[in-house]
């Protein structure tokens, strides 16, 4: 009697990574289906189709790869979920003075919550994606680990996966270099073998967050004062949501020396400017935490902490102060610690967990 094949739903964006992920999952012996999440309409938010995902061309590319592989392909309309869980959270965070990372929310609420739920309803055993990360089982726990290719590693934006989600997730690209992925796509004649990687935030045209937020909310954000750290007025800003911690360019001020955004005072609608040395801090608080490698930190741990996607993780002491909060003290002061960004904890190549800087 033949053994029943395990089933996997592959999240397919139309790009080369998810296409090769589908190929590898199929080759590994899984009963495979592709699923493309329809998250928004490019035309409605003014995104040129070559700049973002979710276009008809992307759906057709995913469908073409599935046809070549001989597996079914579904298009799942998740626009309402995406608007609520990703776009709205993004806008609300900016209005509260934070600088969010919507890719983390998309992974958290869409790919590994909504899509995984859909896969479960369809009696699939796993969701697979084209992320560059690895999952390893140690004892009874599934651990999230860095990808083999350090330039492509995406473990930072995946820290929110719970142990149960990791149990039902596959990352077939985690052990490959990007060049190997392109080569596999070309060898198999995939239509998207040379397709560019998506850049920036998928639903924000040309990185113009301010215009997107104004259009989304229908609001205008009032001008206010630029002030120095002593409260002296330096000029007028053009809406507090335009600025982020560490910003120097685009202030529109003629200053005798370079100054940077060091704080946003929402109550008084002021943007506080300081000098480079004013951007450094050793301590921070992290909330809304998810720990996947352990149930909790029972004592202060010496770990490496990454506070933005392109930063190398830095040594620090991490203390869990309650069920949802971490206190982190770095060995060396860190530049432009930014509220709303993720802080992700590593022990070697293993992700311990992470949360949101507040």
C-alpha atoms as a PDB file:
ATOM      1  CA  UNK A   1       0.000   0.000   0.000  1.00  0.00           C
ATOM      2  CA  UNK A   2       1.514   3.331  -1.056  1.00  0.00           C
ATOM      3  CA  UNK A   3       2.137   6.008   1.518  1.00  0.00           C
ATOM      4  CA  UNK A   4      -0.102   9.080   1.268  1.00  0.00           C
ATOM      5  CA  UNK A   5       1.782  12.121   0.023  1.00  0.00           C
ATOM      6  CA  UNK A   6       2.001  15.148   2.276  1.00  0.00           C
ATOM      7  CA  UNK A   7       0.412  18.264   0.828  1.00  0.00           C
ATOM      8  CA  UNK A   8       1.923  21.749   0.574  1.00  0.00           C
ATOM      9  CA  UNK A   9       0.461  25.075  -0.529  1.00  0.00           C
ATOM     10  CA  UNK A  10       3.148  27.341  -1.996  1.00  0.00           C
ATOM     11  CA  UNK A  11       2.662  31.101  -1.669  1.00  0.00           C
ATOM     12  CA  UNK A  12       3.469  32.336  -5.187  1.00  0.00           C
ATOM     13  CA  UNK A  13       3.963  36.036  -5.852  1.00  0.00           C
ATOM     14  CA  UNK A  14       4.876  35.569  -9.502  1.00  0.00           C
ATOM     15  CA  UNK A  15       8.553  36.095  -8.713  1.00  0.00           C
ATOM     16  CA  UNK A  16      11.469  33.756  -9.277  1.00  0.00           C
ATOM     17  CA  UNK A  17      11.974  32.816  -5.605  1.00  0.00           C
ATOM     18  CA  UNK A  18       8.472  31.494  -4.959  1.00  0.00           C
ATOM     19  CA  UNK A  19       8.473  29.756  -8.356  1.00  0.00           C
ATOM     20  CA  UNK A  20      11.648  27.842  -7.532  1.00  0.00           C
ATOM     21  CA  UNK A  21      10.228  27.107  -4.080  1.00  0.00           C
ATOM     22  CA  UNK A  22       7.257  25.418  -5.788  1.00  0.00           C
ATOM     23  CA  UNK A  23       9.584  23.416  -8.024  1.00  0.00           C
ATOM     24  CA  UNK A  24      11.654  22.216  -5.062  1.00  0.00           C
ATOM     25  CA  UNK A  25       8.584  21.316  -3.002  1.00  0.00           C
ATOM     26  CA  UNK A  26       7.167  19.310  -5.884  1.00  0.00           C
ATOM     27  CA  UNK A  27      10.515  17.599  -6.466  1.00  0.00           C
ATOM     28  CA  UNK A  28      10.693  16.706  -2.770  1.00  0.00           C
ATOM     29  CA  UNK A  29       7.588  14.587  -3.237  1.00  0.00           C
ATOM     30  CA  UNK A  30       4.833  16.798  -1.863  1.00  0.00           C
ATOM     31  CA  UNK A  31       1.410  17.051  -3.441  1.00  0.00           C
ATOM     32  CA  UNK A  32       1.752  20.709  -4.418  1.00  0.00           C
ATOM     33  CA  UNK A  33      -0.594  23.581  -5.227  1.00  0.00           C
ATOM     34  CA  UNK A  34       0.334  27.210  -5.862  1.00  0.00           C
ATOM     35  CA  UNK A  35      -1.603  30.074  -4.316  1.00  0.00           C
ATOM     36  CA  UNK A  36      -1.295  33.760  -5.214  1.00  0.00           C
ATOM     37  CA  UNK A  37      -2.748  36.187  -2.697  1.00  0.00           C
ATOM     38  CA  UNK A  38      -4.496  39.126  -4.320  1.00  0.00           C
ATOM     39  CA  UNK A  39      -3.673  41.834  -1.794  1.00  0.00           C
ATOM     40  CA  UNK A  40      -4.579  45.109  -3.509  1.00  0.00           C
ATOM     41  CA  UNK A  41      -5.254  46.687  -6.891  1.00  0.00           C
ATOM     42  CA  UNK A  42      -2.188  48.520  -8.170  1.00  0.00           C
ATOM     43  CA  UNK A  43      -4.266  51.023 -10.116  1.00  0.00           C
ATOM     44  CA  UNK A  44      -6.278  52.047  -7.077  1.00  0.00           C
ATOM     45  CA  UNK A  45      -3.195  53.109  -5.115  1.00  0.00           C
ATOM     46  CA  UNK A  46      -1.220  54.458  -8.069  1.00  0.00           C
ATOM     47  CA  UNK A  47       1.508  51.814  -8.173  1.00  0.00           C
ATOM     48  CA  UNK A  48       3.002  51.156 -11.625  1.00  0.00           C
ATOM     49  CA  UNK A  49       2.793  47.433 -12.316  1.00  0.00           C
ATOM     50  CA  UNK A  50       6.546  47.123 -12.829  1.00  0.00           C
ATOM     51  CA  UNK A  51       7.142  48.482  -9.323  1.00  0.00           C
ATOM     52  CA  UNK A  52       5.019  46.127  -7.259  1.00  0.00           C
ATOM     53  CA  UNK A  53       3.480  42.727  -6.799  1.00  0.00           C
ATOM     54  CA  UNK A  54      -0.159  41.723  -7.254  1.00  0.00           C
ATOM     55  CA  UNK A  55      -0.478  42.806 -10.900  1.00  0.00           C
ATOM     56  CA  UNK A  56      -2.245  40.645 -13.466  1.00  0.00           C
ATOM     57  CA  UNK A  57       1.181  39.933 -14.984  1.00  0.00           C
ATOM     58  CA  UNK A  58       2.393  38.539 -11.654  1.00  0.00           C
ATOM     59  CA  UNK A  59      -0.640  36.279 -11.368  1.00  0.00           C
ATOM     60  CA  UNK A  60      -0.102  35.060 -14.923  1.00  0.00           C
ATOM     61  CA  UNK A  61       3.581  34.375 -14.223  1.00  0.00           C
ATOM     62  CA  UNK A  62       2.661  32.275 -11.180  1.00  0.00           C
ATOM     63  CA  UNK A  63      -0.011  30.450 -13.173  1.00  0.00           C
ATOM     64  CA  UNK A  64       2.472  29.806 -15.990  1.00  0.00           C
ATOM     65  CA  UNK A  65       4.988  28.233 -13.609  1.00  0.00           C
ATOM     66  CA  UNK A  66       2.302  26.047 -12.033  1.00  0.00           C
ATOM     67  CA  UNK A  67       1.171  24.902 -15.476  1.00  0.00           C
ATOM     68  CA  UNK A  68       4.760  24.021 -16.350  1.00  0.00           C
ATOM     69  CA  UNK A  69       5.068  22.055 -13.112  1.00  0.00           C
ATOM     70  CA  UNK A  70       1.707  20.369 -13.592  1.00  0.00           C
ATOM     71  CA  UNK A  71       0.186  21.594 -10.338  1.00  0.00           C
ATOM     72  CA  UNK A  72      -2.995  23.507  -9.564  1.00  0.00           C
ATOM     73  CA  UNK A  73      -2.920  27.274  -9.037  1.00  0.00           C
ATOM     74  CA  UNK A  74      -5.360  29.320  -6.967  1.00  0.00           C
ATOM     75  CA  UNK A  75      -5.841  33.078  -6.750  1.00  0.00           C
ATOM     76  CA  UNK A  76      -7.057  34.055  -3.270  1.00  0.00           C
ATOM     77  CA  UNK A  77      -8.754  37.423  -2.829  1.00  0.00           C
ATOM     78  CA  UNK A  78      -7.372  38.764   0.448  1.00  0.00           C
ATOM     79  CA  UNK A  79      -7.674  42.488  -0.245  1.00  0.00           C
ATOM     80  CA  UNK A  80      -9.908  43.179   2.780  1.00  0.00           C
ATOM     81  CA  UNK A  81      -7.577  41.298   5.129  1.00  0.00           C
ATOM     82  CA  UNK A  82      -4.509  43.058   3.712  1.00  0.00           C
ATOM     83  CA  UNK A  83      -6.119  46.474   4.023  1.00  0.00           C
ATOM     84  CA  UNK A  84      -7.051  45.830   7.644  1.00  0.00           C
ATOM     85  CA  UNK A  85      -3.983  43.959   8.857  1.00  0.00           C
ATOM     86  CA  UNK A  86      -1.185  45.643   6.881  1.00  0.00           C
ATOM     87  CA  UNK A  87      -2.164  48.964   5.289  1.00  0.00           C
ATOM     88  CA  UNK A  88      -4.210  50.213   8.238  1.00  0.00           C
ATOM     89  CA  UNK A  89      -1.571  49.162  10.762  1.00  0.00           C
ATOM     90  CA  UNK A  90       1.069  50.932   8.651  1.00  0.00           C
ATOM     91  CA  UNK A  91      -0.875  54.193   8.572  1.00  0.00           C
ATOM     92  CA  UNK A  92      -1.849  54.089  12.256  1.00  0.00           C
ATOM     93  CA  UNK A  93       1.766  53.469  13.259  1.00  0.00           C
ATOM     94  CA  UNK A  94       2.979  56.504  11.313  1.00  0.00           C
ATOM     95  CA  UNK A  95       0.238  58.652  12.850  1.00  0.00           C
ATOM     96  CA  UNK A  96       1.446  57.585  16.300  1.00  0.00           C
ATOM     97  CA  UNK A  97       5.030  58.600  15.541  1.00  0.00           C
ATOM     98  CA  UNK A  98       6.371  55.128  14.771  1.00  0.00           C
ATOM     99  CA  UNK A  99       8.248  53.893  11.691  1.00  0.00           C
ATOM    100  CA  UNK A 100       6.714  50.486  10.946  1.00  0.00           C
ATOM    101  CA  UNK A 101       7.877  47.558   8.827  1.00  0.00           C
ATOM    102  CA  UNK A 102       4.780  46.354   6.940  1.00  0.00           C
ATOM    103  CA  UNK A 103       6.616  43.323   5.499  1.00  0.00           C
ATOM    104  CA  UNK A 104       6.686  41.890   9.029  1.00  0.00           C
ATOM    105  CA  UNK A 105       2.942  42.437   9.406  1.00  0.00           C
ATOM    106  CA  UNK A 106       2.337  40.862   5.998  1.00  0.00           C
ATOM    107  CA  UNK A 107       4.229  37.757   7.051  1.00  0.00           C
ATOM    108  CA  UNK A 108       2.606  37.723  10.469  1.00  0.00           C
ATOM    109  CA  UNK A 109      -1.028  38.265   9.536  1.00  0.00           C
ATOM    110  CA  UNK A 110      -1.256  37.249   5.883  1.00  0.00           C
ATOM    111  CA  UNK A 111       1.179  34.497   4.854  1.00  0.00           C
ATOM    112  CA  UNK A 112       1.458  32.662   8.149  1.00  0.00           C
ATOM    113  CA  UNK A 113      -2.002  33.349   9.559  1.00  0.00           C
ATOM    114  CA  UNK A 114      -4.589  33.840   6.798  1.00  0.00           C
ATOM    115  CA  UNK A 115      -2.833  31.718   4.163  1.00  0.00           C
ATOM    116  CA  UNK A 116      -1.926  28.988   6.646  1.00  0.00           C
ATOM    117  CA  UNK A 117      -5.558  28.912   7.797  1.00  0.00           C
ATOM    118  CA  UNK A 118      -6.683  28.586   4.185  1.00  0.00           C
ATOM    119  CA  UNK A 119      -4.217  25.753   3.647  1.00  0.00           C
ATOM    120  CA  UNK A 120      -5.548  23.983   6.750  1.00  0.00           C
ATOM    121  CA  UNK A 121      -9.139  24.311   5.506  1.00  0.00           C
ATOM    122  CA  UNK A 122      -8.013  22.707   2.237  1.00  0.00           C
ATOM    123  CA  UNK A 123      -6.377  19.903   4.258  1.00  0.00           C
ATOM    124  CA  UNK A 124      -2.829  20.900   3.379  1.00  0.00           C
ATOM    125  CA  UNK A 125      -0.042  19.914   5.741  1.00  0.00           C
ATOM    126  CA  UNK A 126       2.259  22.863   5.046  1.00  0.00           C
ATOM    127  CA  UNK A 127       2.591  26.350   3.634  1.00  0.00           C
ATOM    128  CA  UNK A 128       5.825  26.909   1.696  1.00  0.00           C
ATOM    129  CA  UNK A 129       7.274  30.264   0.643  1.00  0.00           C
ATOM    130  CA  UNK A 130      10.266  31.610  -1.225  1.00  0.00           C
ATOM    131  CA  UNK A 131      11.794  33.249   1.845  1.00  0.00           C
ATOM    132  CA  UNK A 132      15.497  32.832   2.489  1.00  0.00           C
ATOM    133  CA  UNK A 133      15.519  31.260   5.944  1.00  0.00           C
ATOM    134  CA  UNK A 134      15.691  27.785   7.447  1.00  0.00           C
ATOM    135  CA  UNK A 135      13.643  25.766   9.920  1.00  0.00           C
ATOM    136  CA  UNK A 136      15.256  23.035  11.987  1.00  0.00           C
ATOM    137  CA  UNK A 137      13.704  20.673  14.502  1.00  0.00           C
ATOM    138  CA  UNK A 138      15.542  20.301  17.799  1.00  0.00           C
ATOM    139  CA  UNK A 139      13.856  17.972  20.256  1.00  0.00           C
ATOM    140  CA  UNK A 140      10.175  18.812  20.099  1.00  0.00           C
ATOM    141  CA  UNK A 141      10.659  22.427  19.005  1.00  0.00           C
ATOM    142  CA  UNK A 142      10.994  23.923  15.538  1.00  0.00           C
ATOM    143  CA  UNK A 143      13.611  26.687  15.319  1.00  0.00           C
ATOM    144  CA  UNK A 144      13.872  29.556  12.839  1.00  0.00           C
ATOM    145  CA  UNK A 145      17.411  29.979  11.534  1.00  0.00           C
ATOM    146  CA  UNK A 146      19.295  32.278   9.177  1.00  0.00           C
ATOM    147  CA  UNK A 147      19.605  31.395   5.503  1.00  0.00           C
ATOM    148  CA  UNK A 148      22.853  30.025   4.106  1.00  0.00           C
ATOM    149  CA  UNK A 149      23.131  33.092   1.814  1.00  0.00           C
ATOM    150  CA  UNK A 150      23.859  35.980   4.228  1.00  0.00           C
ATOM    151  CA  UNK A 151      23.046  38.616   1.593  1.00  0.00           C
ATOM    152  CA  UNK A 152      19.537  37.247   1.155  1.00  0.00           C
ATOM    153  CA  UNK A 153      18.751  36.154   4.711  1.00  0.00           C
ATOM    154  CA  UNK A 154      15.172  37.140   5.644  1.00  0.00           C
ATOM    155  CA  UNK A 155      14.959  35.698   9.152  1.00  0.00           C
ATOM    156  CA  UNK A 156      14.588  39.257  10.513  1.00  0.00           C
ATOM    157  CA  UNK A 157      11.150  39.731   8.907  1.00  0.00           C
ATOM    158  CA  UNK A 158      10.033  36.241   9.970  1.00  0.00           C
ATOM    159  CA  UNK A 159      10.671  36.519  13.716  1.00  0.00           C
ATOM    160  CA  UNK A 160       6.926  36.659  14.474  1.00  0.00           C
ATOM    161  CA  UNK A 161       6.331  33.037  13.427  1.00  0.00           C
ATOM    162  CA  UNK A 162       5.102  31.018  16.367  1.00  0.00           C
ATOM    163  CA  UNK A 163       6.383  27.513  17.144  1.00  0.00           C
ATOM    164  CA  UNK A 164       3.137  26.059  15.783  1.00  0.00           C
ATOM    165  CA  UNK A 165       3.408  28.060  12.552  1.00  0.00           C
ATOM    166  CA  UNK A 166       7.026  26.951  12.125  1.00  0.00           C
ATOM    167  CA  UNK A 167       5.848  23.349  12.478  1.00  0.00           C
ATOM    168  CA  UNK A 168       3.644  23.788   9.385  1.00  0.00           C
ATOM    169  CA  UNK A 169       5.994  25.950   7.276  1.00  0.00           C
ATOM    170  CA  UNK A 170       8.621  25.072   4.678  1.00  0.00           C
ATOM    171  CA  UNK A 171      11.437  27.324   3.403  1.00  0.00           C
ATOM    172  CA  UNK A 172      13.016  25.334   0.544  1.00  0.00           C
ATOM    173  CA  UNK A 173      15.379  28.172  -0.485  1.00  0.00           C
ATOM    174  CA  UNK A 174      17.068  28.493   2.905  1.00  0.00           C
ATOM    175  CA  UNK A 175      20.062  26.384   1.919  1.00  0.00           C
ATOM    176  CA  UNK A 176      20.611  27.983  -1.499  1.00  0.00           C
ATOM    177  CA  UNK A 177      22.410  31.006  -2.900  1.00  0.00           C
ATOM    178  CA  UNK A 178      20.344  33.432  -4.965  1.00  0.00           C
ATOM    179  CA  UNK A 179      22.472  32.614  -8.016  1.00  0.00           C
ATOM    180  CA  UNK A 180      21.512  28.936  -7.638  1.00  0.00           C
ATOM    181  CA  UNK A 181      17.826  29.865  -7.511  1.00  0.00           C
ATOM    182  CA  UNK A 182      18.084  31.841 -10.766  1.00  0.00           C
ATOM    183  CA  UNK A 183      19.936  28.933 -12.366  1.00  0.00           C
ATOM    184  CA  UNK A 184      17.199  26.467 -11.392  1.00  0.00           C
ATOM    185  CA  UNK A 185      14.561  28.796 -12.849  1.00  0.00           C
ATOM    186  CA  UNK A 186      16.445  29.119 -16.145  1.00  0.00           C
ATOM    187  CA  UNK A 187      17.066  25.376 -16.394  1.00  0.00           C
ATOM    188  CA  UNK A 188      13.340  24.768 -16.037  1.00  0.00           C
ATOM    189  CA  UNK A 189      12.294  27.450 -18.509  1.00  0.00           C
ATOM    190  CA  UNK A 190      10.356  29.553 -16.025  1.00  0.00           C
ATOM    191  CA  UNK A 191       8.953  32.689 -17.607  1.00  0.00           C
ATOM    192  CA  UNK A 192      10.183  34.776 -14.648  1.00  0.00           C
ATOM    193  CA  UNK A 193      13.741  33.381 -14.457  1.00  0.00           C
ATOM    194  CA  UNK A 194      15.254  36.850 -14.999  1.00  0.00           C
ATOM    195  CA  UNK A 195      12.484  38.872 -13.364  1.00  0.00           C
ATOM    196  CA  UNK A 196      13.648  41.653 -11.043  1.00  0.00           C
ATOM    197  CA  UNK A 197      13.232  41.290  -7.292  1.00  0.00           C
ATOM    198  CA  UNK A 198      10.480  43.426  -5.801  1.00  0.00           C
ATOM    199  CA  UNK A 199      11.753  46.537  -4.050  1.00  0.00           C
ATOM    200  CA  UNK A 200      10.537  48.700  -1.176  1.00  0.00           C
ATOM    201  CA  UNK A 201       7.023  48.427   0.254  1.00  0.00           C
ATOM    202  CA  UNK A 202       4.696  46.840  -2.276  1.00  0.00           C
ATOM    203  CA  UNK A 203       1.750  49.217  -1.789  1.00  0.00           C
ATOM    204  CA  UNK A 204       3.663  52.515  -1.511  1.00  0.00           C
ATOM    205  CA  UNK A 205       4.432  54.080  -4.899  1.00  0.00           C
ATOM    206  CA  UNK A 206       8.062  55.175  -5.269  1.00  0.00           C
ATOM    207  CA  UNK A 207       8.617  55.101  -1.512  1.00  0.00           C
ATOM    208  CA  UNK A 208       6.399  58.176  -1.060  1.00  0.00           C
ATOM    209  CA  UNK A 209       4.850  57.168   2.265  1.00  0.00           C
ATOM    210  CA  UNK A 210       3.486  60.652   2.956  1.00  0.00           C
ATOM    211  CA  UNK A 211       1.394  60.805  -0.230  1.00  0.00           C
ATOM    212  CA  UNK A 212       0.084  57.271   0.336  1.00  0.00           C
ATOM    213  CA  UNK A 213      -0.971  58.077   3.915  1.00  0.00           C
ATOM    214  CA  UNK A 214      -2.689  61.313   2.865  1.00  0.00           C
ATOM    215  CA  UNK A 215      -4.591  59.497   0.126  1.00  0.00           C
ATOM    216  CA  UNK A 216      -5.487  56.597   2.405  1.00  0.00           C
ATOM    217  CA  UNK A 217      -6.756  58.742   5.281  1.00  0.00           C
ATOM    218  CA  UNK A 218      -8.074  61.731   3.341  1.00  0.00           C
ATOM    219  CA  UNK A 219      -6.358  63.890   5.961  1.00  0.00           C
ATOM    220  CA  UNK A 220      -3.897  66.738   5.744  1.00  0.00           C
ATOM    221  CA  UNK A 221      -1.146  66.757   8.338  1.00  0.00           C
ATOM    222  CA  UNK A 222      -0.408  70.252   9.661  1.00  0.00           C
ATOM    223  CA  UNK A 223       2.915  72.031   9.536  1.00  0.00           C
ATOM    224  CA  UNK A 224       4.716  72.570  12.812  1.00  0.00           C
ATOM    225  CA  UNK A 225       8.022  73.622  14.293  1.00  0.00           C
ATOM    226  CA  UNK A 226      11.480  72.187  13.922  1.00  0.00           C
ATOM    227  CA  UNK A 227      13.212  72.740  17.270  1.00  0.00           C
ATOM    228  CA  UNK A 228      16.621  71.908  18.675  1.00  0.00           C
ATOM    229  CA  UNK A 229      17.058  69.826  21.823  1.00  0.00           C
ATOM    230  CA  UNK A 230      16.787  72.940  23.960  1.00  0.00           C
ATOM    231  CA  UNK A 231      13.429  73.824  22.389  1.00  0.00           C
ATOM    232  CA  UNK A 232      14.688  76.688  20.214  1.00  0.00           C
ATOM    233  CA  UNK A 233      12.730  77.065  16.973  1.00  0.00           C
ATOM    234  CA  UNK A 234      14.760  76.300  13.832  1.00  0.00           C
ATOM    235  CA  UNK A 235      12.077  76.467  11.153  1.00  0.00           C
ATOM    236  CA  UNK A 236       8.835  74.879   9.963  1.00  0.00           C
ATOM    237  CA  UNK A 237       8.228  71.225   9.109  1.00  0.00           C
ATOM    238  CA  UNK A 238       5.667  70.063   6.551  1.00  0.00           C
ATOM    239  CA  UNK A 239       3.779  67.432   8.536  1.00  0.00           C
ATOM    240  CA  UNK A 240       5.212  65.256  11.288  1.00  0.00           C
ATOM    241  CA  UNK A 241       4.588  61.957   9.487  1.00  0.00           C
ATOM    242  CA  UNK A 242       7.121  62.985   6.809  1.00  0.00           C
ATOM    243  CA  UNK A 243      10.068  62.427   9.144  1.00  0.00           C
ATOM    244  CA  UNK A 244      11.828  59.508  10.765  1.00  0.00           C
ATOM    245  CA  UNK A 245      14.558  59.153  13.369  1.00  0.00           C
ATOM    246  CA  UNK A 246      18.036  59.678  11.924  1.00  0.00           C
ATOM    247  CA  UNK A 247      16.811  61.613   8.883  1.00  0.00           C
ATOM    248  CA  UNK A 248      19.087  64.380   7.637  1.00  0.00           C
ATOM    249  CA  UNK A 249      18.080  64.955   4.025  1.00  0.00           C
ATOM    250  CA  UNK A 250      14.877  66.644   2.966  1.00  0.00           C
ATOM    251  CA  UNK A 251      14.456  68.855   6.021  1.00  0.00           C
ATOM    252  CA  UNK A 252      14.390  72.001   3.915  1.00  0.00           C
ATOM    253  CA  UNK A 253      16.442  74.006   6.404  1.00  0.00           C
ATOM    254  CA  UNK A 254      19.579  76.072   5.964  1.00  0.00           C
ATOM    255  CA  UNK A 255      21.590  75.091   9.020  1.00  0.00           C
ATOM    256  CA  UNK A 256      25.205  75.927   9.939  1.00  0.00           C
ATOM    257  CA  UNK A 257      25.927  72.208  10.575  1.00  0.00           C
ATOM    258  CA  UNK A 258      24.298  68.906   9.717  1.00  0.00           C
ATOM    259  CA  UNK A 259      21.380  68.107  12.003  1.00  0.00           C
ATOM    260  CA  UNK A 260      19.235  65.001  12.249  1.00  0.00           C
ATOM    261  CA  UNK A 261      15.768  64.073  13.452  1.00  0.00           C
ATOM    262  CA  UNK A 262      16.220  62.747  16.985  1.00  0.00           C
ATOM    263  CA  UNK A 263      12.626  62.836  18.250  1.00  0.00           C
ATOM    264  CA  UNK A 264       9.047  63.426  17.130  1.00  0.00           C
ATOM    265  CA  UNK A 265       6.856  65.276  19.632  1.00  0.00           C
ATOM    266  CA  UNK A 266       3.302  64.451  18.574  1.00  0.00           C
ATOM    267  CA  UNK A 267       1.605  66.373  21.402  1.00  0.00           C
ATOM    268  CA  UNK A 268       3.162  69.678  20.331  1.00  0.00           C
ATOM    269  CA  UNK A 269       3.538  68.702  16.648  1.00  0.00           C
ATOM    270  CA  UNK A 270       7.279  69.356  16.810  1.00  0.00           C
ATOM    271  CA  UNK A 271      10.209  67.606  15.154  1.00  0.00           C
ATOM    272  CA  UNK A 272      13.284  67.732  17.384  1.00  0.00           C
ATOM    273  CA  UNK A 273      16.676  68.006  15.673  1.00  0.00           C
ATOM    274  CA  UNK A 274      20.075  67.210  17.100  1.00  0.00           C
ATOM    275  CA  UNK A 275      23.573  66.279  16.026  1.00  0.00           C
ATOM    276  CA  UNK A 276      24.884  62.852  15.062  1.00  0.00           C
ATOM    277  CA  UNK A 277      26.102  62.103  18.588  1.00  0.00           C
ATOM    278  CA  UNK A 278      22.569  62.714  19.901  1.00  0.00           C
ATOM    279  CA  UNK A 279      21.270  59.733  17.902  1.00  0.00           C
ATOM    280  CA  UNK A 280      23.094  57.100  19.960  1.00  0.00           C
ATOM    281  CA  UNK A 281      21.534  55.124  22.804  1.00  0.00           C
ATOM    282  CA  UNK A 282      22.422  51.930  24.672  1.00  0.00           C
ATOM    283  CA  UNK A 283      19.059  50.885  26.073  1.00  0.00           C
ATOM    284  CA  UNK A 284      15.597  50.273  24.636  1.00  0.00           C
ATOM    285  CA  UNK A 285      12.268  48.650  25.410  1.00  0.00           C
ATOM    286  CA  UNK A 286      10.638  46.095  23.123  1.00  0.00           C
ATOM    287  CA  UNK A 287       6.977  45.064  23.329  1.00  0.00           C
ATOM    288  CA  UNK A 288       4.502  42.805  21.547  1.00  0.00           C
ATOM    289  CA  UNK A 289       7.120  40.074  21.707  1.00  0.00           C
ATOM    290  CA  UNK A 290       7.174  36.610  20.172  1.00  0.00           C
ATOM    291  CA  UNK A 291       9.678  34.044  21.411  1.00  0.00           C
ATOM    292  CA  UNK A 292       9.916  30.982  19.176  1.00  0.00           C
ATOM    293  CA  UNK A 293      13.058  29.277  20.512  1.00  0.00           C
ATOM    294  CA  UNK A 294      11.903  29.231  24.143  1.00  0.00           C
ATOM    295  CA  UNK A 295       8.803  29.871  26.229  1.00  0.00           C
ATOM    296  CA  UNK A 296      10.355  32.869  27.984  1.00  0.00           C
ATOM    297  CA  UNK A 297      13.743  34.294  29.002  1.00  0.00           C
ATOM    298  CA  UNK A 298      14.105  33.115  32.612  1.00  0.00           C
ATOM    299  CA  UNK A 299      17.171  35.263  33.230  1.00  0.00           C
ATOM    300  CA  UNK A 300      19.185  37.999  31.551  1.00  0.00           C
ATOM    301  CA  UNK A 301      20.683  36.525  28.385  1.00  0.00           C
ATOM    302  CA  UNK A 302      23.635  37.659  26.318  1.00  0.00           C
ATOM    303  CA  UNK A 303      22.349  37.643  22.739  1.00  0.00           C
ATOM    304  CA  UNK A 304      22.858  39.463  19.455  1.00  0.00           C
ATOM    305  CA  UNK A 305      20.143  41.955  18.513  1.00  0.00           C
ATOM    306  CA  UNK A 306      19.271  43.365  15.111  1.00  0.00           C
ATOM    307  CA  UNK A 307      17.242  46.599  15.045  1.00  0.00           C
ATOM    308  CA  UNK A 308      16.762  47.077  11.292  1.00  0.00           C
ATOM    309  CA  UNK A 309      16.724  44.806   8.271  1.00  0.00           C
ATOM    310  CA  UNK A 310      20.095  45.776   6.779  1.00  0.00           C
ATOM    311  CA  UNK A 311      21.973  46.109  10.063  1.00  0.00           C
ATOM    312  CA  UNK A 312      24.369  43.522  11.448  1.00  0.00           C
ATOM    313  CA  UNK A 313      23.165  42.226  14.800  1.00  0.00           C
ATOM    314  CA  UNK A 314      24.887  43.698  17.860  1.00  0.00           C
ATOM    315  CA  UNK A 315      25.785  42.087  21.220  1.00  0.00           C
ATOM    316  CA  UNK A 316      23.476  42.986  24.089  1.00  0.00           C
ATOM    317  CA  UNK A 317      22.014  41.848  27.394  1.00  0.00           C
ATOM    318  CA  UNK A 318      18.319  41.000  27.091  1.00  0.00           C
ATOM    319  CA  UNK A 319      15.944  40.761  30.050  1.00  0.00           C
ATOM    320  CA  UNK A 320      12.286  39.765  29.853  1.00  0.00           C
ATOM    321  CA  UNK A 321      10.480  42.066  32.283  1.00  0.00           C
ATOM    322  CA  UNK A 322       6.951  40.712  31.778  1.00  0.00           C
ATOM    323  CA  UNK A 323       5.001  38.449  29.444  1.00  0.00           C
ATOM    324  CA  UNK A 324       5.101  40.977  26.609  1.00  0.00           C
ATOM    325  CA  UNK A 325       8.163  43.158  27.252  1.00  0.00           C
ATOM    326  CA  UNK A 326      11.938  42.975  26.876  1.00  0.00           C
ATOM    327  CA  UNK A 327      14.570  45.380  28.177  1.00  0.00           C
ATOM    328  CA  UNK A 328      17.689  45.457  26.019  1.00  0.00           C
ATOM    329  CA  UNK A 329      21.074  46.977  26.912  1.00  0.00           C
ATOM    330  CA  UNK A 330      23.667  47.010  24.115  1.00  0.00           C
ATOM    331  CA  UNK A 331      27.385  46.623  24.691  1.00  0.00           C
ATOM    332  CA  UNK A 332      27.936  49.701  22.536  1.00  0.00           C
ATOM    333  CA  UNK A 333      25.533  52.599  21.862  1.00  0.00           C
ATOM    334  CA  UNK A 334      23.432  52.111  18.738  1.00  0.00           C
ATOM    335  CA  UNK A 335      22.569  54.812  16.220  1.00  0.00           C
ATOM    336  CA  UNK A 336      18.983  55.855  15.487  1.00  0.00           C
ATOM    337  CA  UNK A 337      17.039  53.298  17.485  1.00  0.00           C
ATOM    338  CA  UNK A 338      13.614  53.830  15.926  1.00  0.00           C
ATOM    339  CA  UNK A 339      10.209  53.241  17.490  1.00  0.00           C
ATOM    340  CA  UNK A 340       8.082  50.910  15.405  1.00  0.00           C
ATOM    341  CA  UNK A 341      10.959  48.918  13.950  1.00  0.00           C
ATOM    342  CA  UNK A 342      11.537  45.303  14.938  1.00  0.00           C
ATOM    343  CA  UNK A 343      14.237  44.162  17.326  1.00  0.00           C
ATOM    344  CA  UNK A 344      15.153  40.538  16.590  1.00  0.00           C
ATOM    345  CA  UNK A 345      17.203  38.360  18.953  1.00  0.00           C
ATOM    346  CA  UNK A 346      19.778  35.867  17.698  1.00  0.00           C
ATOM    347  CA  UNK A 347      21.895  33.190  19.322  1.00  0.00           C
ATOM    348  CA  UNK A 348      24.355  32.389  16.538  1.00  0.00           C
ATOM    349  CA  UNK A 349      22.214  31.624  13.491  1.00  0.00           C
ATOM    350  CA  UNK A 350      19.091  30.827  15.546  1.00  0.00           C
ATOM    351  CA  UNK A 351      16.295  33.379  15.968  1.00  0.00           C
ATOM    352  CA  UNK A 352      15.249  33.438  19.630  1.00  0.00           C
ATOM    353  CA  UNK A 353      12.387  35.861  18.973  1.00  0.00           C
ATOM    354  CA  UNK A 354      11.715  39.559  18.724  1.00  0.00           C
ATOM    355  CA  UNK A 355       9.262  42.405  19.095  1.00  0.00           C
ATOM    356  CA  UNK A 356       8.543  46.055  18.362  1.00  0.00           C
ATOM    357  CA  UNK A 357      10.741  48.893  19.639  1.00  0.00           C
ATOM    358  CA  UNK A 358       8.733  51.415  21.691  1.00  0.00           C
END
